[in-house]
N, C-alpha and C. Protein backbone atom coordinates (compact mmCIF):
# COMPACT_ATOMS: atom_id res chain seq x y z
N MET A 1 69.15 113.56 190.46
CA MET A 1 68.49 112.12 190.50
C MET A 1 68.42 111.43 191.79
N THR A 2 67.57 110.71 191.99
CA THR A 2 67.48 110.01 193.27
C THR A 2 68.26 108.73 193.02
N THR A 3 68.58 108.03 194.17
CA THR A 3 69.30 106.73 194.01
C THR A 3 68.44 105.72 193.28
N PHE A 4 67.18 105.74 193.57
CA PHE A 4 66.30 104.75 192.90
C PHE A 4 66.28 105.05 191.43
N ALA A 5 66.10 106.26 190.95
CA ALA A 5 66.00 106.67 189.62
C ALA A 5 67.46 106.18 188.92
N MET A 6 68.52 106.48 189.52
CA MET A 6 69.75 106.11 188.92
C MET A 6 69.95 104.61 188.82
N ASN A 7 69.55 103.89 189.81
CA ASN A 7 69.58 102.35 189.68
C ASN A 7 68.64 101.84 188.57
N LEU A 8 67.46 102.41 188.55
CA LEU A 8 66.46 101.96 187.50
C LEU A 8 67.16 102.22 186.19
N TYR A 9 67.74 103.40 185.89
CA TYR A 9 68.23 103.82 184.67
C TYR A 9 69.32 102.89 184.30
N ARG A 10 70.27 102.56 185.29
CA ARG A 10 71.31 101.62 184.97
C ARG A 10 70.88 100.26 184.72
N ASP A 11 69.95 99.74 185.40
CA ASP A 11 69.33 98.43 185.17
C ASP A 11 68.79 98.46 183.78
N ALA A 12 68.10 99.42 183.40
CA ALA A 12 67.38 99.47 182.02
C ALA A 12 68.56 99.52 180.98
N VAL A 13 69.59 100.23 181.14
CA VAL A 13 70.63 100.32 180.14
C VAL A 13 71.39 98.93 180.15
N CYS A 14 71.56 98.36 181.08
CA CYS A 14 72.26 96.86 181.14
C CYS A 14 71.27 95.87 180.52
N ALA A 15 70.08 96.01 180.85
CA ALA A 15 69.00 95.10 180.25
C ALA A 15 69.02 95.18 178.67
N ALA A 16 69.09 96.48 178.32
CA ALA A 16 68.93 96.87 176.83
C ALA A 16 70.15 96.29 176.09
N ALA A 17 71.39 96.44 176.76
CA ALA A 17 72.67 96.10 176.27
C ALA A 17 72.64 94.47 176.09
N ALA A 18 72.30 93.82 177.28
CA ALA A 18 72.15 92.34 177.19
C ALA A 18 71.15 91.87 176.16
N ALA A 19 70.20 92.47 175.88
CA ALA A 19 69.09 92.09 174.93
C ALA A 19 69.71 92.25 173.47
N ALA A 20 70.60 93.34 173.27
CA ALA A 20 71.11 93.61 172.01
C ALA A 20 72.17 92.61 171.68
N ILE A 21 73.02 92.35 172.68
CA ILE A 21 74.08 91.33 172.42
C ILE A 21 73.50 89.97 172.24
N THR A 22 72.43 89.54 173.00
CA THR A 22 71.75 88.30 172.68
C THR A 22 71.20 88.13 171.23
N LEU A 23 70.53 89.38 170.80
CA LEU A 23 70.08 89.28 169.45
C LEU A 23 71.04 89.26 168.43
N VAL A 24 72.16 90.01 168.57
CA VAL A 24 73.23 89.83 167.49
C VAL A 24 73.80 88.42 167.55
N LEU A 25 74.08 87.85 168.65
CA LEU A 25 74.61 86.38 168.69
C LEU A 25 73.57 85.51 168.15
N SER A 26 72.27 85.62 168.37
CA SER A 26 71.31 84.76 167.92
C SER A 26 71.22 84.83 166.27
N LEU A 27 71.21 86.07 165.89
CA LEU A 27 71.13 86.22 164.39
C LEU A 27 72.42 85.75 163.67
N SER A 28 73.60 85.86 164.37
CA SER A 28 74.86 85.40 163.83
C SER A 28 74.77 83.84 163.80
N PHE A 29 74.25 83.20 164.82
CA PHE A 29 74.18 81.71 164.82
C PHE A 29 73.23 81.37 163.72
N LEU A 30 72.02 81.94 163.60
CA LEU A 30 71.02 81.54 162.77
C LEU A 30 71.42 81.68 161.21
N GLU A 31 72.25 82.78 161.09
CA GLU A 31 72.85 82.88 159.66
C GLU A 31 73.85 81.86 159.34
N SER A 32 74.70 81.53 160.28
CA SER A 32 75.78 80.67 160.02
C SER A 32 75.22 79.29 159.84
N THR A 33 74.05 78.97 160.40
CA THR A 33 73.54 77.47 160.27
C THR A 33 72.37 77.57 159.19
N ALA A 34 72.19 78.56 158.48
CA ALA A 34 71.05 78.63 157.61
C ALA A 34 71.23 77.66 156.49
N VAL A 35 72.44 77.22 156.07
CA VAL A 35 72.72 76.42 154.96
C VAL A 35 73.44 75.06 155.44
N PRO A 36 73.28 73.99 154.75
CA PRO A 36 73.92 72.87 155.16
C PRO A 36 75.41 72.94 155.29
N TYR A 37 76.13 72.19 156.00
CA TYR A 37 77.53 72.20 156.12
C TYR A 37 78.24 71.86 154.88
N GLY A 38 79.14 72.62 154.41
CA GLY A 38 79.76 72.39 153.17
C GLY A 38 79.09 72.97 151.87
N ALA A 39 78.07 73.69 152.06
CA ALA A 39 77.34 74.31 150.90
C ALA A 39 78.11 75.47 150.27
N HIS A 40 78.97 76.09 150.99
CA HIS A 40 79.81 77.17 150.55
C HIS A 40 81.12 76.71 149.93
N ALA A 41 81.44 75.46 150.27
CA ALA A 41 82.81 74.98 149.82
C ALA A 41 82.85 74.67 148.29
N PRO A 42 83.97 75.00 147.65
CA PRO A 42 84.03 74.59 146.20
C PRO A 42 83.93 73.21 145.89
N ALA A 43 83.43 72.94 144.80
CA ALA A 43 83.21 71.38 144.32
C ALA A 43 84.52 70.85 144.14
N ALA A 44 84.62 69.46 144.50
CA ALA A 44 85.80 68.80 144.37
C ALA A 44 86.08 68.48 142.88
N ARG A 45 87.24 68.66 142.44
CA ARG A 45 87.73 68.39 141.07
C ARG A 45 88.10 67.01 140.89
N PHE A 46 88.78 66.47 141.85
CA PHE A 46 89.23 64.98 141.74
C PHE A 46 89.08 64.34 143.00
N VAL A 47 89.17 63.13 143.03
CA VAL A 47 89.06 62.27 144.21
C VAL A 47 90.47 61.50 144.29
N ALA A 48 91.13 61.63 145.34
CA ALA A 48 92.38 60.80 145.52
C ALA A 48 92.05 59.52 146.26
N LEU A 49 92.65 58.50 145.63
CA LEU A 49 92.40 57.22 146.24
C LEU A 49 93.76 56.82 147.07
N GLN A 50 93.48 56.30 148.21
CA GLN A 50 94.65 55.91 149.08
C GLN A 50 95.04 54.41 148.62
N ALA A 51 96.37 54.22 148.54
CA ALA A 51 96.89 52.95 148.12
C ALA A 51 96.70 51.97 149.43
N ASP A 52 96.40 50.77 149.15
CA ASP A 52 96.16 49.67 150.22
C ASP A 52 97.52 49.22 150.59
N HIS A 53 97.68 48.88 151.90
CA HIS A 53 98.85 48.28 152.35
C HIS A 53 98.55 46.72 152.69
N ALA A 54 99.70 46.18 152.78
CA ALA A 54 99.43 44.55 153.01
C ALA A 54 99.48 44.21 154.50
N PHE A 55 99.04 45.07 155.38
CA PHE A 55 99.09 44.71 156.83
C PHE A 55 97.71 44.35 157.21
N PHE A 56 97.28 43.02 157.10
CA PHE A 56 96.02 42.59 157.61
C PHE A 56 94.74 43.36 156.95
N GLY A 57 94.91 43.86 155.73
CA GLY A 57 93.73 44.50 155.26
C GLY A 57 93.54 45.98 155.71
N GLN A 58 94.46 46.52 156.61
CA GLN A 58 94.39 47.84 157.16
C GLN A 58 94.60 48.95 156.04
N PRO A 59 93.94 50.03 156.15
CA PRO A 59 94.21 51.01 155.02
C PRO A 59 95.60 51.72 155.23
N GLU A 60 96.11 51.70 156.53
CA GLU A 60 97.54 52.21 156.83
C GLU A 60 98.14 51.22 157.83
N PRO A 61 99.43 51.15 157.78
CA PRO A 61 99.97 50.38 158.89
C PRO A 61 99.78 50.85 160.17
N ALA A 62 99.70 50.02 161.23
CA ALA A 62 99.56 50.60 162.58
C ALA A 62 100.77 51.20 163.05
N VAL A 63 100.60 52.27 163.86
CA VAL A 63 101.84 53.01 164.41
C VAL A 63 101.74 53.05 165.92
N LEU A 64 102.65 52.73 166.73
CA LEU A 64 102.66 52.71 168.18
C LEU A 64 103.24 53.97 168.63
N VAL A 65 102.52 54.72 169.48
CA VAL A 65 102.93 55.99 169.89
C VAL A 65 102.94 55.98 171.43
N ASP A 66 103.97 56.53 172.02
CA ASP A 66 104.11 56.60 173.45
C ASP A 66 103.10 57.49 174.09
């Protein structure tokens, strides 16, 4: 094979591999975003309520962190 033919063959193989990888990633993305977020999650059986604190109506007391 000539150098031109080898380079052409190598470029064609790389282009085909890049196209295949792009196709697989695109289909994976489309499949993962086909349903709304949380559609596969099980239904909640109960709702937990958070107790109110007496600190200026805040849902939790403020915590200072260094």
